[in-house]
Amino acid sequence: MSKTNWKNALYNIMSINLINFNITLAIFTMEWIISKLTCSSLLTGILIGLSSLAYFFSYFTGAFMDLTRKKKTILLGLIIPLFTILFLSQIALLANNDIFTIILLFYTFAILTGFTSDIASIILSIWIKENVNEKDYRKVSSINRVTLRSLRILAEALAGIFLAISFKYSITPSLIILVVVGFLLLPMNITENVEEKRMHSFKKSLIDGFYYVRRSKVLTQFTILTTDNLFFEMQGLLLLFYVEDVLHQGPIYFSALLISAEIGIVVGSIFALRINKGKLGFYQIIFRLIISASLASYILINNIFLALIPTFLILFSSGVNSTLTSATLLRYIDKEYWGRTTGFIGVIANGLSTLSGPLGGILIEIIGVGWTYVLVSVVMLIFTFLKYTFKEYYNLEIK
């Protein structure tokens, strides 16, 4: 592999993550609007879950993106329907006479953003695998995560401000920013070295990718471990109703907690660069124990400032683990199967998030916010100890 072109790498990372910035801004705004219009944790949870529906198709998406040369064209083509739905959503919100129409538009937007985010992430990961020197994998993974989460901090802060200033016009900023993002994507360089031998049939590509994952104990074990996302991804919904039902506060306070979470991921991703050796499983268990304890602590906290602490620690630990895992898997997975492998894992890891929203909504209705946090904590603890039993995954070396 030749020397990493840092100019292209940084521009591509920023360009892709600007898409997720706009998605975060819009979805955050819609979550708050739905929760206020319907007063239903279930309907709000469905909205959150629908943004993960696309990941059930990640394996097919990854296989297709592995083969196609028109990656940027596909990405740019998704901007048009996103803009259309946002525009119609803003009109419906101003009309304020049909909650059903608003819910339908918001749900449709959530589904489409899931596909957009998935495709964007796959494109970026394929480009990194093809164009970044192996010795720079951990650094690039950290930069990507820090950039993504820093932009999310900005999006969540802006969403809280826009909602506080004007509830009815809160969709408009997302419309304007989406147009800007579209223009910024035009000069983005995502060309990669596609070998002719990879341009075989789509069906054969799917079959080869499946057997590649199945033959690997490490990838099989990692896929099983990611099923805990069904509960871990409830956190966004839990924070929303924690602010509303426990703290009895408004969108600015929700933004504050989400910003604390994003800062945690940024700091954790940077901290991961200091870990240069050791077994992946060891660090994952240490930081997962911190996550489990922090989740359970919410049942004892009724103060916004104290709540910032576990919120930060949960995502700090997640940032460390995610960065170490991403860098390790970049070295481990063959570049020919990268899109399909990450797509296959995404079906389980992220696809289950579709169900986490509705399930979280039901649990909040039945046992309340605090005890739902405790339940999620227990599930995280069980999966933490399961990591220790998966020796092949546990013993992966960090380099």
Protein backbone atom coordinates (compact mmCIF):
# COMPACT_ATOMS: atom_id res chain seq x y z
CA MET A 1 0.00 0.00 0.00
CA SER A 2 1.35 3.44 -0.94
CA LYS A 3 1.52 6.40 1.44
CA THR A 4 -1.86 7.66 2.66
CA ASN A 5 -3.16 10.73 0.83
CA TRP A 6 -4.25 12.70 3.88
CA LYS A 7 -5.78 15.56 1.88
CA ASN A 8 -8.21 13.20 0.13
CA ALA A 9 -8.82 11.21 3.30
CA LEU A 10 -9.77 14.25 5.38
CA TYR A 11 -11.98 15.73 2.65
CA ASN A 12 -13.81 12.44 2.10
CA ILE A 13 -14.31 11.92 5.83
CA MET A 14 -15.70 15.44 6.23
CA SER A 15 -17.93 15.20 3.13
CA ILE A 16 -19.51 11.89 4.16
CA ASN A 17 -19.99 12.95 7.76
CA LEU A 18 -21.74 16.16 6.72
CA ILE A 19 -24.53 13.93 5.42
CA ASN A 20 -24.87 12.37 8.87
CA PHE A 21 -24.73 15.86 10.41
CA ASN A 22 -27.83 16.90 8.49
CA ILE A 23 -29.59 13.61 9.22
CA THR A 24 -28.91 14.04 12.94
CA LEU A 25 -30.21 17.60 12.89
CA ALA A 26 -33.44 16.57 11.14
CA ILE A 27 -34.10 13.35 13.08
CA PHE A 28 -33.42 14.96 16.46
CA THR A 29 -35.91 17.71 15.60
CA MET A 30 -38.51 15.18 14.43
CA GLU A 31 -38.13 13.05 17.57
CA TRP A 32 -38.94 16.01 19.79
CA ILE A 33 -41.86 17.12 17.60
CA ILE A 34 -43.39 13.62 17.55
CA SER A 35 -43.00 13.20 21.31
CA LYS A 36 -44.76 16.53 21.90
CA LEU A 37 -47.54 16.06 19.33
CA THR A 38 -48.40 12.48 20.34
CA CYS A 39 -47.16 12.22 23.97
CA SER A 40 -46.33 8.59 23.09
CA SER A 41 -43.02 6.85 23.80
CA LEU A 42 -44.07 4.04 21.44
CA LEU A 43 -44.69 6.31 18.42
CA THR A 44 -41.47 8.18 19.15
CA GLY A 45 -39.60 4.89 19.52
CA ILE A 46 -40.92 3.71 16.15
CA LEU A 47 -39.56 6.88 14.53
CA ILE A 48 -36.12 6.24 16.06
CA GLY A 49 -36.25 2.57 15.08
CA LEU A 50 -37.23 3.19 11.46
CA SER A 51 -33.93 4.96 10.77
CA SER A 52 -32.26 1.57 11.34
CA LEU A 53 -34.61 -0.40 9.07
CA ALA A 54 -32.19 -0.03 6.14
CA TYR A 55 -29.56 -2.04 7.98
CA PHE A 56 -31.62 -5.19 7.50
CA PHE A 57 -30.56 -4.84 3.85
CA SER A 58 -26.94 -3.90 4.62
CA TYR A 59 -25.57 -7.17 3.29
CA PHE A 60 -27.12 -6.58 -0.14
CA THR A 61 -26.15 -2.92 -0.02
CA GLY A 62 -22.56 -3.79 0.88
CA ALA A 63 -22.30 -6.37 -1.90
CA PHE A 64 -23.66 -3.91 -4.45
CA MET A 65 -21.37 -1.10 -3.30
CA ASP A 66 -18.41 -3.51 -3.50
CA LEU A 67 -19.11 -3.94 -7.21
CA THR A 68 -20.44 -0.63 -8.50
CA ARG A 69 -18.25 2.18 -9.81
CA LYS A 70 -21.04 4.78 -9.45
CA LYS A 71 -20.78 5.32 -5.73
CA LYS A 72 -20.87 9.13 -5.74
CA THR A 73 -23.75 9.21 -8.23
CA ILE A 74 -25.84 7.00 -5.95
CA LEU A 75 -25.02 9.14 -2.93
CA LEU A 76 -25.90 12.39 -4.70
CA GLY A 77 -29.11 10.84 -6.05
CA LEU A 78 -30.37 10.28 -2.50
CA ILE A 79 -30.23 14.02 -1.77
CA ILE A 80 -33.29 14.74 -3.97
CA PRO A 81 -35.88 12.57 -2.15
CA LEU A 82 -34.44 13.66 1.21
CA PHE A 83 -34.97 17.31 0.27
CA THR A 84 -38.48 16.64 -1.05
CA ILE A 85 -39.66 14.91 2.12
CA LEU A 86 -38.10 17.59 4.34
CA PHE A 87 -39.85 20.30 2.31
CA LEU A 88 -43.22 18.55 2.59
CA SER A 89 -42.63 17.99 6.31
CA GLN A 90 -42.06 21.69 6.88
CA ILE A 91 -45.28 22.55 5.01
CA ALA A 92 -47.24 19.96 7.02
CA LEU A 93 -45.80 21.30 10.28
CA LEU A 94 -46.83 24.86 9.37
CA ALA A 95 -50.34 23.70 8.40
CA ASN A 96 -50.62 21.97 11.79
CA ASN A 97 -53.93 20.34 10.91
CA ASP A 98 -53.04 16.71 10.26
CA ILE A 99 -50.86 14.83 12.74
CA PHE A 100 -51.19 11.67 10.65
CA THR A 101 -49.54 13.38 7.64
CA ILE A 102 -46.70 14.67 9.82
CA ILE A 103 -46.10 11.21 11.29
CA LEU A 104 -46.19 9.59 7.82
CA LEU A 105 -43.68 12.09 6.40
CA PHE A 106 -41.38 11.83 9.42
CA TYR A 107 -41.45 8.02 9.31
CA THR A 108 -40.72 8.01 5.56
CA PHE A 109 -37.82 10.40 6.09
CA ALA A 110 -36.43 8.21 8.88
CA ILE A 111 -36.47 5.13 6.62
CA LEU A 112 -34.75 6.98 3.77
CA THR A 113 -32.09 8.46 6.07
CA GLY A 114 -31.28 4.94 7.22
CA PHE A 115 -30.45 3.88 3.66
CA THR A 116 -28.54 7.11 3.02
CA SER A 117 -26.45 6.80 6.18
CA ASP A 118 -25.74 3.12 5.54
CA ILE A 119 -24.63 3.70 1.94
CA ALA A 120 -22.51 6.70 2.93
CA SER A 121 -20.77 4.73 5.68
CA ILE A 122 -20.11 1.76 3.38
CA ILE A 123 -18.68 4.03 0.68
CA LEU A 124 -16.33 5.68 3.16
CA SER A 125 -15.22 2.39 4.72
CA ILE A 126 -14.50 0.88 1.27
CA TRP A 127 -12.49 3.96 0.31
CA ILE A 128 -10.48 3.78 3.56
CA LYS A 129 -9.78 0.08 3.08
CA GLU A 130 -8.62 0.68 -0.51
CA ASN A 131 -6.65 3.91 -0.08
CA VAL A 132 -5.31 4.15 3.47
CA ASN A 133 -2.03 2.56 4.52
CA GLU A 134 -2.55 -0.21 7.08
CA LYS A 135 -0.39 1.52 9.67
CA ASP A 136 -2.80 4.49 9.56
CA TYR A 137 -6.01 2.48 10.11
CA ARG A 138 -6.36 3.31 13.81
CA LYS A 139 -5.56 6.99 13.24
CA VAL A 140 -8.05 7.27 10.37
CA SER A 141 -10.72 5.40 12.37
CA SER A 142 -10.24 7.82 15.25
CA ILE A 143 -10.34 10.90 12.98
CA ASN A 144 -13.51 9.62 11.32
CA ARG A 145 -15.23 8.98 14.64
CA VAL A 146 -14.13 12.31 16.13
CA THR A 147 -15.32 14.18 13.02
CA LEU A 148 -18.66 12.37 12.98
CA ARG A 149 -19.34 12.92 16.65
CA SER A 150 -18.14 16.54 16.66
CA LEU A 151 -20.60 17.28 13.87
CA ARG A 152 -23.32 15.45 15.81
CA ILE A 153 -22.60 17.70 18.81
CA LEU A 154 -23.14 20.72 16.60
CA ALA A 155 -26.31 19.21 15.08
CA GLU A 156 -27.84 18.40 18.46
CA ALA A 157 -27.01 21.84 19.84
CA LEU A 158 -28.50 23.56 16.80
CA ALA A 159 -31.62 21.38 16.90
CA GLY A 160 -32.26 22.29 20.54
CA ILE A 161 -31.81 25.97 19.75
CA PHE A 162 -34.03 25.88 16.65
CA LEU A 163 -36.78 24.04 18.53
CA ALA A 164 -36.63 26.55 21.37
CA ILE A 165 -36.75 29.54 18.98
CA SER A 166 -39.48 28.33 16.62
CA PHE A 167 -41.22 24.97 16.89
CA LYS A 168 -43.12 25.41 13.61
CA TYR A 169 -40.10 26.45 11.50
CA SER A 170 -37.64 23.97 13.04
CA ILE A 171 -37.38 21.83 9.86
CA THR A 172 -36.26 24.76 7.67
CA PRO A 173 -32.57 24.79 8.78
CA SER A 174 -32.22 21.14 7.74
CA LEU A 175 -33.54 22.02 4.28
CA ILE A 176 -30.99 24.79 3.82
CA ILE A 177 -28.07 22.73 5.12
CA LEU A 178 -28.99 19.75 2.92
CA VAL A 179 -28.63 21.91 -0.20
CA VAL A 180 -25.19 23.05 0.98
CA VAL A 181 -24.14 19.46 1.68
CA GLY A 182 -25.18 18.44 -1.85
CA PHE A 183 -22.86 21.03 -3.39
CA LEU A 184 -19.99 20.03 -1.11
CA LEU A 185 -20.33 16.39 -2.22
CA LEU A 186 -19.82 17.24 -5.91
CA PRO A 187 -16.00 17.51 -5.84
CA MET A 188 -15.61 14.65 -3.36
CA ASN A 189 -13.02 12.09 -4.47
CA ILE A 190 -14.21 8.55 -3.73
CA THR A 191 -12.54 6.74 -6.63
CA GLU A 192 -11.00 3.44 -5.56
CA ASN A 193 -8.98 0.74 -7.24
CA VAL A 194 -11.62 -1.66 -8.51
CA GLU A 195 -10.06 -4.82 -9.92
CA GLU A 196 -11.76 -6.45 -12.88
CA LYS A 197 -11.80 -9.84 -11.17
CA ARG A 198 -14.14 -8.35 -8.56
CA MET A 199 -16.72 -7.37 -11.14
CA HIS A 200 -18.47 -10.74 -11.14
CA SER A 201 -22.16 -11.43 -10.69
CA PHE A 202 -24.11 -9.91 -7.85
CA LYS A 203 -25.46 -13.31 -6.80
CA LYS A 204 -22.00 -14.87 -6.62
CA SER A 205 -20.80 -11.84 -4.69
CA LEU A 206 -23.48 -12.40 -2.06
CA ILE A 207 -22.68 -16.10 -1.73
CA ASP A 208 -18.92 -15.53 -1.49
CA GLY A 209 -19.38 -12.86 1.15
CA PHE A 210 -21.62 -15.08 3.27
CA TYR A 211 -19.14 -17.97 3.24
CA TYR A 212 -16.28 -15.60 4.01
CA VAL A 213 -18.01 -14.51 7.23
CA ARG A 214 -19.19 -18.01 8.14
CA ARG A 215 -15.71 -19.49 7.85
CA SER A 216 -14.26 -16.90 10.24
CA LYS A 217 -14.74 -17.60 13.95
CA VAL A 218 -13.76 -14.02 14.77
CA LEU A 219 -16.41 -12.49 12.49
CA THR A 220 -19.05 -14.99 13.61
CA GLN A 221 -18.37 -14.21 17.26
CA PHE A 222 -18.33 -10.46 16.62
CA THR A 223 -21.69 -10.69 14.83
CA ILE A 224 -23.22 -12.56 17.78
CA LEU A 225 -21.87 -9.99 20.25
CA THR A 226 -23.41 -7.10 18.32
CA THR A 227 -26.94 -8.41 19.02
CA ASP A 228 -26.79 -6.47 22.29
CA ASN A 229 -27.51 -3.39 20.15
CA LEU A 230 -31.19 -4.32 20.48
CA PHE A 231 -30.96 -2.88 24.00
CA PHE A 232 -27.94 -0.55 23.77
CA GLU A 233 -29.57 1.54 21.03
CA MET A 234 -32.52 2.37 23.31
CA GLN A 235 -30.40 5.13 24.85
CA GLY A 236 -31.61 7.93 22.57
CA LEU A 237 -35.25 7.22 23.42
CA LEU A 238 -34.43 6.72 27.10
CA LEU A 239 -32.65 10.08 27.28
CA LEU A 240 -35.58 11.84 25.63
CA PHE A 241 -38.13 10.53 28.12
CA TYR A 242 -35.65 10.81 31.00
CA VAL A 243 -35.56 14.56 30.29
CA GLU A 244 -39.34 14.82 29.81
CA ASP A 245 -40.72 12.44 32.47
CA VAL A 246 -38.00 12.38 35.16
CA LEU A 247 -36.35 15.81 34.92
CA HIS A 248 -39.46 17.56 33.46
CA GLN A 249 -37.29 19.75 31.23
CA GLY A 250 -37.35 20.99 27.63
CA PRO A 251 -35.35 20.42 24.42
CA ILE A 252 -32.33 22.48 25.52
CA TYR A 253 -31.70 20.03 28.37
CA PHE A 254 -32.14 17.08 26.01
CA SER A 255 -29.54 18.70 23.76
CA ALA A 256 -27.23 19.13 26.75
CA LEU A 257 -27.29 15.41 27.55
CA LEU A 258 -26.82 14.42 23.91
CA ILE A 259 -23.91 16.84 23.59
CA SER A 260 -22.35 15.30 26.70
CA ALA A 261 -22.73 11.90 25.03
CA GLU A 262 -21.13 13.06 21.80
CA ILE A 263 -18.25 14.71 23.65
CA GLY A 264 -17.76 11.38 25.40
CA ILE A 265 -17.42 9.58 22.07
CA VAL A 266 -15.01 12.21 20.74
CA VAL A 267 -12.79 12.03 23.83
CA GLY A 268 -13.00 8.23 23.87
CA SER A 269 -12.04 7.99 20.20
CA ILE A 270 -9.01 10.21 20.81
CA PHE A 271 -8.08 8.29 23.96
CA ALA A 272 -8.12 5.04 21.96
CA LEU A 273 -5.06 6.28 20.05
CA ARG A 274 -3.04 5.94 23.27
CA ILE A 275 -3.72 2.21 23.40
CA ASN A 276 -0.98 0.69 21.23
CA LYS A 277 -0.92 -2.94 22.33
CA GLY A 278 -2.81 -5.63 24.16
CA LYS A 279 -5.81 -7.84 23.55
CA LEU A 280 -8.96 -6.28 22.13
CA GLY A 281 -11.23 -8.32 24.41
CA PHE A 282 -9.48 -7.12 27.58
CA TYR A 283 -10.13 -3.45 26.86
CA GLN A 284 -13.66 -4.13 25.67
CA ILE A 285 -14.56 -5.86 28.93
CA ILE A 286 -13.11 -3.04 31.07
CA PHE A 287 -15.01 -0.31 29.24
CA ARG A 288 -18.19 -2.35 28.93
CA LEU A 289 -18.26 -2.71 32.73
CA ILE A 290 -18.13 1.09 32.96
CA ILE A 291 -21.05 1.29 30.51
CA SER A 292 -23.14 -1.18 32.50
CA ALA A 293 -22.56 0.62 35.81
CA SER A 294 -23.29 4.02 34.27
CA LEU A 295 -26.58 2.85 32.75
CA ALA A 296 -27.81 1.54 36.10
CA SER A 297 -26.93 4.82 37.85
CA TYR A 298 -29.73 6.77 36.13
CA ILE A 299 -32.30 5.26 38.49
CA LEU A 300 -30.61 7.17 41.32
CA ILE A 301 -30.17 10.51 39.52
CA ASN A 302 -32.77 13.27 39.33
CA ASN A 303 -30.48 16.18 38.50
CA ILE A 304 -29.51 17.32 35.00
CA PHE A 305 -25.93 18.15 36.01
CA LEU A 306 -25.34 14.79 37.69
CA ALA A 307 -26.89 13.03 34.69
CA LEU A 308 -24.14 14.48 32.49
CA ILE A 309 -21.60 12.20 34.19
CA PRO A 310 -22.99 8.73 33.29
CA THR A 311 -24.04 10.04 29.87
CA PHE A 312 -20.44 11.07 29.19
CA LEU A 313 -18.94 7.83 30.58
CA ILE A 314 -21.22 5.56 28.55
CA LEU A 315 -20.28 7.13 25.24
CA PHE A 316 -16.63 7.66 26.22
CA SER A 317 -16.32 3.92 26.80
CA SER A 318 -18.25 3.19 23.62
CA GLY A 319 -15.93 5.52 21.68
CA VAL A 320 -12.83 3.69 22.92
CA ASN A 321 -14.26 0.26 22.13
CA SER A 322 -15.61 1.25 18.71
CA THR A 323 -12.35 2.83 17.56
CA LEU A 324 -10.24 -0.13 18.70
CA THR A 325 -12.67 -2.58 17.08
CA SER A 326 -12.87 -0.68 13.77
CA ALA A 327 -9.08 -0.44 13.46
CA THR A 328 -8.59 -4.11 14.36
CA LEU A 329 -11.20 -5.33 11.88
CA LEU A 330 -9.75 -3.11 9.14
CA ARG A 331 -6.56 -5.14 9.45
CA TYR A 332 -8.33 -8.46 9.79
CA ILE A 333 -10.88 -8.37 6.94
CA ASP A 334 -9.77 -8.90 3.34
CA LYS A 335 -10.38 -5.74 1.29
CA GLU A 336 -12.18 -7.75 -1.43
CA TYR A 337 -14.91 -8.64 1.05
CA TRP A 338 -14.98 -5.43 3.07
CA GLY A 339 -18.31 -4.02 1.89
CA ARG A 340 -20.10 -7.35 2.12
CA THR A 341 -18.62 -8.21 5.52
CA THR A 342 -19.49 -4.88 7.12
CA GLY A 343 -22.90 -5.11 5.47
CA PHE A 344 -23.50 -8.58 6.91
CA ILE A 345 -22.48 -7.45 10.38
CA GLY A 346 -24.61 -4.33 9.96
CA VAL A 347 -27.72 -6.45 9.34
CA ILE A 348 -27.38 -7.75 12.91
CA ALA A 349 -25.61 -4.91 14.69
CA ASN A 350 -27.68 -2.05 13.29
CA GLY A 351 -30.74 -3.81 11.91
CA LEU A 352 -31.82 -4.76 15.43
CA SER A 353 -31.92 -1.05 16.23
CA THR A 354 -35.15 -0.95 14.22
CA LEU A 355 -36.73 -2.99 16.98
CA SER A 356 -34.98 -1.24 19.87
CA GLY A 357 -37.07 1.92 19.49
CA PRO A 358 -40.51 0.25 19.70
CA LEU A 359 -39.28 -2.20 22.36
CA GLY A 360 -37.85 0.67 24.38
CA GLY A 361 -41.13 2.54 24.06
CA ILE A 362 -43.08 -0.46 25.36
CA LEU A 363 -40.66 -0.99 28.27
CA ILE A 364 -40.87 2.69 29.26
CA GLU A 365 -44.68 2.46 29.26
CA ILE A 366 -44.64 -0.71 31.40
CA ILE A 367 -41.75 -0.34 33.88
CA GLY A 368 -40.74 3.31 33.51
CA VAL A 369 -37.55 5.04 32.43
CA GLY A 370 -35.42 4.19 35.48
CA TRP A 371 -36.05 0.45 35.51
CA THR A 372 -35.62 0.26 31.75
CA TYR A 373 -32.13 1.69 32.28
CA VAL A 374 -31.47 -1.04 34.86
CA LEU A 375 -32.70 -3.75 32.47
CA VAL A 376 -30.42 -2.47 29.68
CA SER A 377 -27.53 -2.41 32.18
CA VAL A 378 -28.07 -6.07 33.06
CA VAL A 379 -28.17 -7.08 29.38
CA MET A 380 -24.90 -5.18 28.76
CA LEU A 381 -23.33 -7.00 31.70
CA ILE A 382 -24.33 -10.41 30.33
CA PHE A 383 -22.81 -9.64 26.92
CA THR A 384 -19.68 -8.27 28.59
CA PHE A 385 -18.91 -11.63 30.16
CA LEU A 386 -19.88 -13.42 26.93
CA LYS A 387 -16.96 -11.64 25.25
CA TYR A 388 -14.56 -13.44 27.57
CA THR A 389 -15.83 -16.84 26.40
CA PHE A 390 -15.22 -15.99 22.71
CA LYS A 391 -11.47 -16.56 22.77
CA GLU A 392 -10.75 -15.94 19.07
CA TYR A 393 -12.33 -12.49 19.23
CA TYR A 394 -11.03 -11.74 22.72
CA ASN A 395 -7.43 -12.50 21.73
CA LEU A 396 -7.29 -10.21 18.69
CA GLU A 397 -4.16 -8.08 19.05
CA ILE A 398 -4.26 -4.30 18.98
CA LYS A 399 -1.46 -2.84 16.86
